[in-house]
């Protein structure tokens, strides 16, 4: 049985930091170790038009996508209005929607949320991606 829980973190500093992510326990584990295949994309905040109107272009956004289902496994933003960006991504994560939902959406201009389009457009396609794998050992108490 898959057990997932989405957690969110937002810190308001001179530049906001936010990160919703899922704690994932895959159904199949071998000797306490499981493999999670994923794809990664990132974009600097200066690629988001709204940061120019705010005169604050420092920071970045980064996303981790499940290699097989296209679901969003994690998102981090370091920059202006990062908490609002996080909330938009978190809704897609909670609804278990693929990242393409946010990639293909048309958002109001100029907003930070419209910067999600360029971020998700950078996600490598399944067939083109050199899929990364991480092994996670389960801690036994």
Protein backbone atom coordinates (compact mmCIF):
# COMPACT_ATOMS: atom_id res chain seq x y z
CA UNK A 1 0.00 0.00 0.00
CA UNK A 2 1.36 3.44 -0.89
CA UNK A 3 1.41 5.89 1.97
CA UNK A 4 1.95 9.51 1.00
CA UNK A 5 1.67 12.69 2.94
CA UNK A 6 2.28 16.15 1.55
CA UNK A 7 4.00 18.57 3.88
CA UNK A 8 4.59 22.27 3.30
CA UNK A 9 7.20 24.66 4.60
CA UNK A 10 7.33 28.42 4.10
CA UNK A 11 9.78 30.83 5.67
CA UNK A 12 9.33 34.56 5.27
CA UNK A 13 12.76 36.19 5.12
CA UNK A 14 14.00 39.09 2.99
CA UNK A 15 13.62 36.52 0.20
CA UNK A 16 10.85 33.95 0.75
CA UNK A 17 11.64 30.23 0.88
CA UNK A 18 9.01 27.53 0.37
CA UNK A 19 8.88 23.81 -0.26
CA UNK A 20 5.94 21.37 -0.43
CA UNK A 21 7.03 17.76 -0.78
CA UNK A 22 5.65 14.29 -0.34
CA UNK A 23 6.94 11.71 2.08
CA UNK A 24 6.70 8.57 0.01
CA UNK A 25 6.79 4.96 1.09
CA UNK A 26 6.67 2.84 -2.06
CA UNK A 27 4.68 -0.36 -2.07
CA UNK A 28 7.57 -2.62 -3.05
CA UNK A 29 10.74 -2.65 -1.03
CA UNK A 30 13.62 -5.08 -1.28
CA UNK A 31 15.72 -5.54 1.84
CA UNK A 32 14.47 -2.20 3.22
CA UNK A 33 15.69 -0.24 0.18
CA UNK A 34 13.45 1.25 -2.46
CA UNK A 35 14.23 2.99 -5.74
CA UNK A 36 12.49 6.18 -6.75
CA UNK A 37 13.02 7.30 -10.33
CA UNK A 38 12.62 11.01 -10.93
CA UNK A 39 13.32 13.95 -13.22
CA UNK A 40 14.49 17.39 -12.09
CA UNK A 41 14.01 20.86 -13.55
CA UNK A 42 14.92 24.31 -12.29
CA UNK A 43 14.67 27.90 -13.44
CA UNK A 44 16.27 31.08 -12.08
CA UNK A 45 13.86 33.69 -10.78
CA UNK A 46 15.13 36.23 -13.30
CA UNK A 47 13.31 34.10 -15.90
CA UNK A 48 9.98 35.01 -14.27
CA UNK A 49 8.64 38.30 -15.63
CA UNK A 50 6.98 39.33 -12.36
CA UNK A 51 10.36 39.46 -10.58
CA UNK A 52 11.38 42.30 -12.90
CA UNK A 53 8.32 44.38 -11.98
CA UNK A 54 9.16 43.77 -8.30
CA UNK A 55 12.85 44.66 -8.90
CA UNK A 56 13.81 41.42 -7.12
CA UNK A 57 15.26 38.82 -9.49
CA UNK A 58 17.31 36.78 -7.01
CA UNK A 59 16.43 33.15 -6.40
CA UNK A 60 15.26 30.03 -8.20
CA UNK A 61 12.51 27.41 -8.46
CA UNK A 62 13.15 23.67 -8.61
CA UNK A 63 10.81 20.72 -9.09
CA UNK A 64 11.12 16.94 -8.79
CA UNK A 65 8.80 14.87 -10.98
CA UNK A 66 8.08 11.14 -10.75
CA UNK A 67 9.70 9.54 -13.80
CA UNK A 68 6.74 7.29 -14.56
CA UNK A 69 3.53 8.97 -13.40
CA UNK A 70 4.46 12.64 -14.07
CA UNK A 71 3.26 13.52 -10.55
CA UNK A 72 5.03 16.29 -8.67
CA UNK A 73 7.10 14.82 -5.83
CA UNK A 74 8.65 18.03 -4.58
CA UNK A 75 8.98 21.74 -5.26
CA UNK A 76 11.22 24.43 -3.83
CA UNK A 77 11.20 28.16 -4.40
CA UNK A 78 13.64 30.76 -3.14
CA UNK A 79 12.57 34.23 -4.15
CA UNK A 80 9.76 36.78 -4.03
CA UNK A 81 6.28 35.46 -3.22
CA UNK A 82 7.59 31.90 -2.84
CA UNK A 83 4.76 31.04 -0.43
CA UNK A 84 2.14 31.80 -3.08
CA UNK A 85 4.02 29.69 -5.63
CA UNK A 86 4.20 26.83 -3.15
CA UNK A 87 0.47 26.91 -2.52
CA UNK A 88 -0.31 26.58 -6.23
CA UNK A 89 2.00 23.60 -6.62
CA UNK A 90 0.76 22.04 -3.40
CA UNK A 91 -2.83 22.02 -4.69
CA UNK A 92 -1.70 20.07 -7.78
CA UNK A 93 0.22 17.67 -5.53
CA UNK A 94 -2.75 17.10 -3.23
CA UNK A 95 -5.02 16.51 -6.24
CA UNK A 96 -2.45 14.00 -7.58
CA UNK A 97 -2.37 15.80 -10.92
CA UNK A 98 0.54 15.50 -13.37
CA UNK A 99 2.93 18.43 -13.71
CA UNK A 100 1.59 19.01 -17.23
CA UNK A 101 -1.54 20.55 -15.69
CA UNK A 102 0.54 23.50 -14.43
CA UNK A 103 2.84 23.51 -17.46
CA UNK A 104 -0.04 23.98 -19.88
CA UNK A 105 -2.16 26.34 -17.77
CA UNK A 106 -2.51 30.01 -18.69
CA UNK A 107 -2.01 32.23 -15.64
CA UNK A 108 -2.60 35.96 -15.21
CA UNK A 109 0.20 38.33 -16.23
CA UNK A 110 2.28 39.58 -14.52
CA UNK A 111 2.18 37.17 -11.57
CA UNK A 112 4.73 34.88 -9.97
CA UNK A 113 2.45 31.93 -10.75
CA UNK A 114 2.94 32.42 -14.48
CA UNK A 115 6.58 31.51 -13.84
CA UNK A 116 5.50 27.92 -13.22
CA UNK A 117 4.99 27.46 -16.97
CA UNK A 118 8.66 27.95 -17.88
CA UNK A 119 9.72 25.79 -14.90
CA UNK A 120 7.55 22.83 -15.86
CA UNK A 121 8.44 23.27 -19.54
CA UNK A 122 12.03 22.41 -18.55
CA UNK A 123 11.11 18.99 -17.15
CA UNK A 124 12.83 16.40 -19.36
CA UNK A 125 10.41 14.21 -21.31
CA UNK A 126 10.15 10.60 -20.16
CA UNK A 127 11.71 9.15 -23.28
CA UNK A 128 14.51 11.76 -23.41
CA UNK A 129 15.41 11.88 -19.76
CA UNK A 130 18.33 10.22 -18.17
CA UNK A 131 16.17 9.25 -15.21
CA UNK A 132 17.83 9.63 -11.86
CA UNK A 133 17.40 7.03 -9.14
CA UNK A 134 18.00 7.30 -5.45
CA UNK A 135 18.06 4.49 -2.98
CA UNK A 136 16.55 5.16 0.38
CA UNK A 137 17.39 2.81 3.20
CA UNK A 138 14.70 2.33 5.74
CA UNK A 139 15.81 3.01 9.27
CA UNK A 140 14.81 0.18 11.57
CA UNK A 141 14.24 0.87 15.23
